[in-house]
Amino acid sequence: MKVILYSLWESNKIFIAVRLKNIYFFFNLGHNAVTAGVFMENGKPTKNAKLVEKFQKDGFLVLENALTDSQLSALNSDLSMWIEESRGNVKSYGKIMDGRPRFDLQLDTHSFDKPALRRITSPAEISQACLDVVKDNQALDLVSEIFGPNIKHWTNKINLKLPGSGTEVKFHQDFPYEPHSNEDIMTVLFFLDDVTLENGPLEVIAGSHNGPLYSLWHDGIFTGAVSAEVEAECRTKSISCVGKAGSACLMHSKLMHGSKSNKTQSARSLFIVSYTAEDAVSLTENPLPSELDGMIVRGKKTGIVRSTSYSVELPEYPQEVSFFDQQSKMKDI
């Protein structure tokens, strides 16, 4: 018996061929060839070391084909079901571990005809498709290249910008929401739809992960956003992260970022997973408590705590459904 692993030149699909007595049997493994141990950037294979160097310099990078076709299809199937379900609700619903709603609606624009579901918290607790991606994906391979072999899961969520919802994100850094003993915290944003300049892409400030941590407190209120002055400066320097569905943006937790609303008639949805180095220990309660917090997804548990030197204002534990409501407090300041 002879076994051959190969991909067709035009199809990018991986097949296995088994030869028995001069007869070949072909099996499609269901993977895109460009995701099989090869990282893609701008349509070209890129060596790991180059991507790691770029991430360390800029604090972010967009990785093509981070999801297989089957992973993307399964995620979107569950998401479509949840969007349809949201039509029949007039307030946020479901429940996560601390009692807050799992499904967050933007109530000022939500209706049956135009649903405005904007956040699903910890979907990996209720979706096998989401859990499978949390545990294994091409972006996670690169996370372990950047932060080391031992990686654990911190949080997961889906953020949506449905047509007409008006959902936007004010500029902020994630790390003040989730301070740890060291700064090896990664947010991976998987594109469930094509992300364009018109549908509210992530906007980042390259290199800002190496700069200061900005306050998210204003007039004694935790707003989850930087000051208006800092945001105005960010707008002049921001870079939009666009790409095809199935791509992912890897973003350091200290990177400054935000996004505008979706101006198109098509959805823009992201499955967002936060990973940490295994030796990074949280200094506050997880704002999105989940039974999956701390799950080892690469390597092993060492029992070691690694600390780095920095100062940060501790966040306020959210009482609101999601951070969108926290950021809305900026309007009152």
Protein backbone atom coordinates (compact mmCIF):
# COMPACT_ATOMS: atom_id res chain seq x y z
CA MET A 1 0.00 0.00 0.00
CA LYS A 2 1.30 3.46 -0.90
CA VAL A 3 -0.06 6.72 0.59
CA ILE A 4 0.47 10.10 -1.10
CA LEU A 5 -0.52 13.53 0.31
CA TYR A 6 -0.83 16.26 -2.29
CA SER A 7 -2.84 19.27 -3.47
CA LEU A 8 -4.25 20.04 -6.90
CA TRP A 9 -2.52 22.96 -8.60
CA GLU A 10 -5.63 25.02 -9.27
CA SER A 11 -7.92 23.95 -6.44
CA ASN A 12 -5.86 24.61 -3.28
CA LYS A 13 -7.53 21.48 -1.84
CA ILE A 14 -5.57 18.77 -0.01
CA PHE A 15 -6.15 15.16 -1.05
CA ILE A 16 -4.79 11.81 0.06
CA ALA A 17 -4.23 9.03 -2.45
CA VAL A 18 -4.04 5.38 -1.38
CA ARG A 19 -2.63 2.87 -3.86
CA LEU A 20 -3.73 -0.77 -3.60
CA LYS A 21 -2.60 -3.13 -6.37
CA ASN A 22 -2.17 -0.32 -8.92
CA ILE A 23 -5.58 1.15 -8.09
CA TYR A 24 -5.65 4.64 -6.59
CA PHE A 25 -8.37 5.74 -4.16
CA PHE A 26 -8.67 9.52 -3.63
CA PHE A 27 -10.00 11.25 -0.51
CA ASN A 28 -10.57 14.99 -0.07
CA LEU A 29 -9.32 15.98 3.40
CA GLY A 30 -11.43 19.13 3.36
CA HIS A 31 -8.58 21.57 4.05
CA ASN A 32 -7.32 24.48 2.05
CA ALA A 33 -3.76 23.74 0.99
CA VAL A 34 -2.58 27.23 1.87
CA THR A 35 -3.53 26.65 5.51
CA ALA A 36 -1.63 23.39 5.92
CA GLY A 37 1.42 24.57 7.85
CA VAL A 38 1.96 27.61 5.63
CA PHE A 39 1.14 31.14 6.78
CA MET A 40 -0.26 33.42 4.08
CA GLU A 41 0.07 37.21 3.84
CA ASN A 42 -1.00 39.29 0.83
CA GLY A 43 -1.64 36.09 -1.09
CA LYS A 44 1.92 34.77 -0.67
CA PRO A 45 3.46 32.17 1.66
CA THR A 46 5.36 33.86 4.49
CA LYS A 47 7.90 32.41 6.90
CA ASN A 48 7.02 32.31 10.57
CA ALA A 49 10.02 34.38 11.64
CA LYS A 50 9.04 37.23 9.32
CA LEU A 51 5.50 37.33 10.72
CA VAL A 52 6.73 37.21 14.32
CA GLU A 53 9.10 40.10 13.62
CA LYS A 54 6.32 42.11 11.98
CA PHE A 55 3.97 41.48 14.90
CA GLN A 56 6.56 42.53 17.45
CA LYS A 57 7.12 45.78 15.53
CA ASP A 58 3.51 46.71 14.68
CA GLY A 59 1.50 44.90 17.35
CA PHE A 60 -0.86 43.39 14.79
CA LEU A 61 -1.02 41.51 11.50
CA VAL A 62 -3.70 40.12 9.19
CA LEU A 63 -3.36 36.41 8.46
CA GLU A 64 -5.14 34.99 5.44
CA ASN A 65 -6.91 31.60 5.52
CA ALA A 66 -6.78 31.43 9.32
CA LEU A 67 -9.94 29.31 9.20
CA THR A 68 -10.60 26.31 6.97
CA ASP A 69 -13.62 26.43 4.68
CA SER A 70 -15.45 23.97 6.94
CA GLN A 71 -14.69 25.98 10.08
CA LEU A 72 -15.96 29.20 8.48
CA SER A 73 -19.12 27.52 7.21
CA ALA A 74 -19.91 25.99 10.61
CA LEU A 75 -19.41 29.29 12.44
CA ASN A 76 -21.64 31.18 10.02
CA SER A 77 -24.31 28.50 10.22
CA ASP A 78 -24.60 28.95 13.99
CA LEU A 79 -24.44 32.73 13.67
CA SER A 80 -27.28 32.81 11.14
CA MET A 81 -29.39 30.77 13.54
CA TRP A 82 -28.71 33.21 16.40
CA ILE A 83 -29.51 36.26 14.27
CA GLU A 84 -32.86 34.72 13.28
CA GLU A 85 -33.56 33.92 16.92
CA SER A 86 -32.83 37.52 17.95
CA ARG A 87 -35.67 38.85 15.77
CA GLY A 88 -38.24 37.59 18.25
CA ASN A 89 -36.65 39.27 21.29
CA VAL A 90 -37.27 42.84 22.45
CA LYS A 91 -34.47 42.92 25.02
CA SER A 92 -31.09 41.25 25.53
CA TYR A 93 -31.51 37.61 26.49
CA GLY A 94 -29.84 34.36 27.47
CA LYS A 95 -27.47 34.04 30.43
CA ILE A 96 -23.73 33.73 31.03
CA MET A 97 -22.04 32.54 34.20
CA ASP A 98 -22.51 35.80 36.17
CA GLY A 99 -26.17 36.16 35.18
CA ARG A 100 -25.79 38.85 32.53
CA PRO A 101 -27.42 38.24 29.11
CA ARG A 102 -25.42 36.25 26.57
CA PHE A 103 -27.11 37.89 23.56
CA ASP A 104 -26.74 41.68 23.51
CA LEU A 105 -29.15 43.74 21.38
CA GLN A 106 -28.68 47.38 20.40
CA LEU A 107 -32.13 48.32 21.61
CA ASP A 108 -32.42 51.75 19.95
CA THR A 109 -32.17 50.19 16.47
CA HIS A 110 -33.25 46.56 16.96
CA SER A 111 -36.48 45.32 15.37
CA PHE A 112 -37.86 42.12 13.89
CA ASP A 113 -37.26 43.35 10.35
CA LYS A 114 -33.81 44.82 11.10
CA PRO A 115 -32.20 42.86 13.92
CA ALA A 116 -29.37 44.60 15.79
CA LEU A 117 -27.73 41.74 17.62
CA ARG A 118 -24.29 43.18 18.42
CA ARG A 119 -22.58 40.76 20.84
CA ILE A 120 -22.73 37.06 21.71
CA THR A 121 -20.71 36.35 24.84
CA SER A 122 -18.82 33.06 25.23
CA PRO A 123 -20.48 31.31 22.27
CA ALA A 124 -17.99 28.44 22.63
CA GLU A 125 -20.00 27.36 25.69
CA ILE A 126 -23.05 26.67 23.52
CA SER A 127 -21.56 25.97 20.07
CA GLN A 128 -19.33 23.06 19.10
CA ALA A 129 -18.23 24.98 16.00
CA CYS A 130 -16.99 27.89 18.13
CA LEU A 131 -15.31 25.58 20.64
CA ASP A 132 -13.51 23.69 17.88
CA VAL A 133 -12.07 26.95 16.51
CA VAL A 134 -11.03 28.15 19.96
CA LYS A 135 -9.06 24.94 20.41
CA ASP A 136 -7.43 24.73 16.98
CA ASN A 137 -6.89 27.22 14.17
CA GLN A 138 -4.09 28.58 12.01
CA ALA A 139 -3.86 31.84 13.96
CA LEU A 140 -3.33 29.92 17.21
CA ASP A 141 -0.30 28.26 15.65
CA LEU A 142 1.18 31.71 15.13
CA VAL A 143 0.24 32.85 18.65
CA SER A 144 2.36 30.02 20.01
CA GLU A 145 5.21 31.13 17.76
CA ILE A 146 4.98 34.65 19.21
CA PHE A 147 4.34 33.98 22.92
CA GLY A 148 5.89 30.53 23.34
CA PRO A 149 4.63 26.95 23.30
CA ASN A 150 2.22 27.10 26.26
CA ILE A 151 -0.99 29.01 25.52
CA LYS A 152 -4.36 29.19 27.29
CA HIS A 153 -7.78 30.54 26.39
CA TRP A 154 -9.08 33.66 28.17
CA THR A 155 -12.34 34.80 26.53
CA ASN A 156 -14.37 34.39 23.33
CA LYS A 157 -17.20 36.42 21.83
CA ILE A 158 -18.84 37.37 18.55
CA ASN A 159 -19.17 41.06 17.69
CA LEU A 160 -21.60 41.96 14.93
CA LYS A 161 -22.28 45.03 12.83
CA LEU A 162 -25.53 44.24 11.08
CA PRO A 163 -26.84 46.62 8.41
CA GLY A 164 -28.46 49.68 9.96
CA SER A 165 -27.45 48.78 13.51
CA GLY A 166 -25.15 51.78 13.95
CA THR A 167 -22.76 49.78 16.17
CA GLU A 168 -19.32 51.35 16.59
CA VAL A 169 -16.35 50.93 18.94
CA LYS A 170 -14.55 53.86 20.53
CA PHE A 171 -10.76 53.75 20.65
CA HIS A 172 -9.28 51.82 23.56
CA GLN A 173 -6.69 49.21 24.52
CA ASP A 174 -7.85 45.78 25.70
CA PHE A 175 -5.17 45.34 28.37
CA PRO A 176 -6.72 47.78 30.91
CA TYR A 177 -9.87 45.62 30.71
CA GLU A 178 -7.86 42.45 31.35
CA PRO A 179 -4.58 43.17 33.23
CA HIS A 180 -2.37 40.12 33.78
CA SER A 181 0.92 39.44 35.52
CA ASN A 182 2.67 39.84 32.17
CA GLU A 183 1.71 41.41 28.85
CA ASP A 184 1.62 38.38 26.56
CA ILE A 185 -2.08 38.67 25.78
CA MET A 186 -3.40 38.25 22.23
CA THR A 187 -6.77 39.09 20.72
CA VAL A 188 -7.52 37.14 17.54
CA LEU A 189 -10.36 38.50 15.40
CA PHE A 190 -11.63 35.96 12.87
CA PHE A 191 -13.43 37.52 9.89
CA LEU A 192 -16.78 35.76 9.40
CA ASP A 193 -17.58 38.07 6.48
CA ASP A 194 -15.44 39.97 4.01
CA VAL A 195 -14.20 43.05 5.87
CA THR A 196 -13.99 46.19 3.73
CA LEU A 197 -13.28 49.87 4.23
CA GLU A 198 -17.03 50.55 4.13
CA ASN A 199 -18.42 48.02 6.62
CA GLY A 200 -16.70 49.17 9.81
CA PRO A 201 -13.28 47.47 9.81
CA LEU A 202 -10.98 47.33 12.81
CA GLU A 203 -8.78 50.45 12.91
CA VAL A 204 -5.44 50.15 14.70
CA ILE A 205 -2.49 52.36 15.60
CA ALA A 206 0.65 50.50 14.54
CA GLY A 207 3.29 50.26 17.25
CA SER A 208 1.05 51.59 20.02
CA HIS A 209 1.47 48.32 21.97
CA ASN A 210 4.98 49.55 22.79
CA GLY A 211 3.67 52.88 24.08
CA PRO A 212 1.80 53.99 27.22
CA LEU A 213 -1.36 52.49 28.62
CA TYR A 214 -4.09 55.14 28.37
CA SER A 215 -6.73 55.71 31.02
CA LEU A 216 -10.24 54.42 30.43
CA TRP A 217 -11.50 56.31 33.52
CA HIS A 218 -12.94 59.83 33.09
CA ASP A 219 -14.42 61.96 35.88
CA GLY A 220 -14.49 58.91 38.13
CA ILE A 221 -16.40 56.81 35.58
CA PHE A 222 -15.00 53.72 33.87
CA THR A 223 -15.98 54.36 30.25
CA GLY A 224 -13.88 51.72 28.53
CA ALA A 225 -12.66 54.35 26.06
CA VAL A 226 -9.78 56.80 25.84
CA SER A 227 -10.37 60.55 26.11
CA ALA A 228 -11.82 62.50 23.19
CA GLU A 229 -8.43 64.19 22.70
CA VAL A 230 -6.57 60.88 22.42
CA GLU A 231 -9.25 59.45 20.11
CA ALA A 232 -9.01 62.47 17.80
CA GLU A 233 -5.26 61.91 17.49
CA CYS A 234 -5.82 58.20 16.83
CA ARG A 235 -8.15 58.98 13.95
CA THR A 236 -5.29 60.69 12.11
CA LYS A 237 -2.98 57.66 12.41
CA SER A 238 -5.30 54.67 12.15
CA ILE A 239 -4.81 51.77 9.74
CA SER A 240 -7.83 49.74 8.61
CA CYS A 241 -7.58 45.95 8.78
CA VAL A 242 -9.48 44.46 5.84
CA GLY A 243 -9.58 40.99 4.36
CA LYS A 244 -11.59 38.08 3.07
CA ALA A 245 -13.85 35.96 5.24
CA GLY A 246 -11.73 33.32 6.96
CA SER A 247 -8.85 35.69 7.56
CA ALA A 248 -7.86 36.79 11.06
CA CYS A 249 -6.29 39.85 12.64
CA LEU A 250 -3.88 39.06 15.46
CA MET A 251 -3.71 42.03 17.82
CA HIS A 252 -1.66 42.62 20.96
CA SER A 253 -3.80 43.45 23.98
CA LYS A 254 -2.00 46.80 24.40
CA LEU A 255 -2.63 47.92 20.81
CA MET A 256 -4.85 51.00 20.45
CA HIS A 257 -7.87 50.27 18.27
CA GLY A 258 -11.48 51.15 17.47
CA SER A 259 -13.95 50.98 14.58
CA LYS A 260 -16.73 52.93 12.88
CA SER A 261 -20.24 51.75 12.06
CA ASN A 262 -21.18 49.58 9.10
CA LYS A 263 -22.34 51.77 6.19
CA THR A 264 -23.26 48.89 3.86
CA GLN A 265 -26.24 46.58 3.45
CA SER A 266 -24.15 43.51 4.30
CA ALA A 267 -23.18 42.14 7.69
CA ARG A 268 -19.71 42.42 9.22
CA SER A 269 -19.16 39.89 11.98
CA LEU A 270 -16.09 38.81 13.95
CA PHE A 271 -15.45 35.80 16.15
CA ILE A 272 -13.01 37.18 18.73
CA VAL A 273 -10.85 34.89 20.86
CA SER A 274 -8.38 36.09 23.49
CA TYR A 275 -5.38 33.92 24.31
CA THR A 276 -2.67 34.42 26.92
CA ALA A 277 0.71 32.93 27.64
CA GLU A 278 0.14 30.07 30.11
CA ASP A 279 2.28 31.84 32.73
CA ALA A 280 0.22 35.06 32.56
CA VAL A 281 -2.13 35.22 35.55
CA SER A 282 -5.14 37.52 35.62
CA LEU A 283 -5.05 40.36 38.17
CA THR A 284 -8.83 40.91 38.09
CA GLU A 285 -12.00 38.90 37.61
CA ASN A 286 -12.63 37.80 34.05
CA PRO A 287 -15.16 40.36 32.66
CA LEU A 288 -16.62 37.54 30.52
CA PRO A 289 -16.65 34.67 33.03
CA SER A 290 -16.75 31.25 31.42
CA GLU A 291 -16.16 27.62 32.25
CA LEU A 292 -13.53 27.69 29.48
CA ASP A 293 -11.36 30.32 31.20
CA GLY A 294 -7.81 28.98 31.53
CA MET A 295 -8.25 26.04 29.15
CA ILE A 296 -4.85 24.99 27.77
CA VAL A 297 -4.99 25.08 23.96
CA ARG A 298 -1.29 24.65 23.14
CA GLY A 299 1.47 23.06 25.17
CA LYS A 300 1.00 22.29 28.87
CA LYS A 301 0.34 23.78 32.29
CA THR A 302 3.57 24.71 34.08
CA GLY A 303 2.34 26.17 37.36
CA ILE A 304 4.74 29.09 36.88
CA VAL A 305 3.74 32.77 37.17
CA ARG A 306 5.80 35.23 35.13
CA SER A 307 5.60 38.93 36.00
CA THR A 308 6.66 42.07 34.16
CA SER A 309 6.87 45.63 35.42
CA TYR A 310 4.11 48.07 34.42
CA SER A 311 1.40 50.26 35.96
CA VAL A 312 -2.28 50.29 35.02
CA GLU A 313 -5.56 51.49 36.51
CA LEU A 314 -7.71 48.51 37.42
CA PRO A 315 -10.99 48.25 35.49
CA GLU A 316 -14.49 48.26 36.90
CA TYR A 317 -16.25 44.91 36.73
CA PRO A 318 -19.07 45.37 34.18
CA GLN A 319 -22.64 45.48 35.40
CA GLU A 320 -23.86 46.19 31.87
CA VAL A 321 -24.63 43.57 29.24
CA SER A 322 -21.45 44.32 27.29
CA PHE A 323 -18.69 46.86 26.89
CA PHE A 324 -20.79 48.72 24.30
CA ASP A 325 -22.90 49.95 27.20
CA GLN A 326 -19.78 50.86 29.17
CA GLN A 327 -18.51 52.96 26.27
CA SER A 328 -21.87 54.72 25.95
CA LYS A 329 -21.06 56.49 29.23
CA MET A 330 -18.67 58.75 27.29
CA LYS A 331 -21.74 60.64 26.05
CA ASP A 332 -22.43 61.84 29.62
CA ILE A 333 -18.94 63.25 30.21
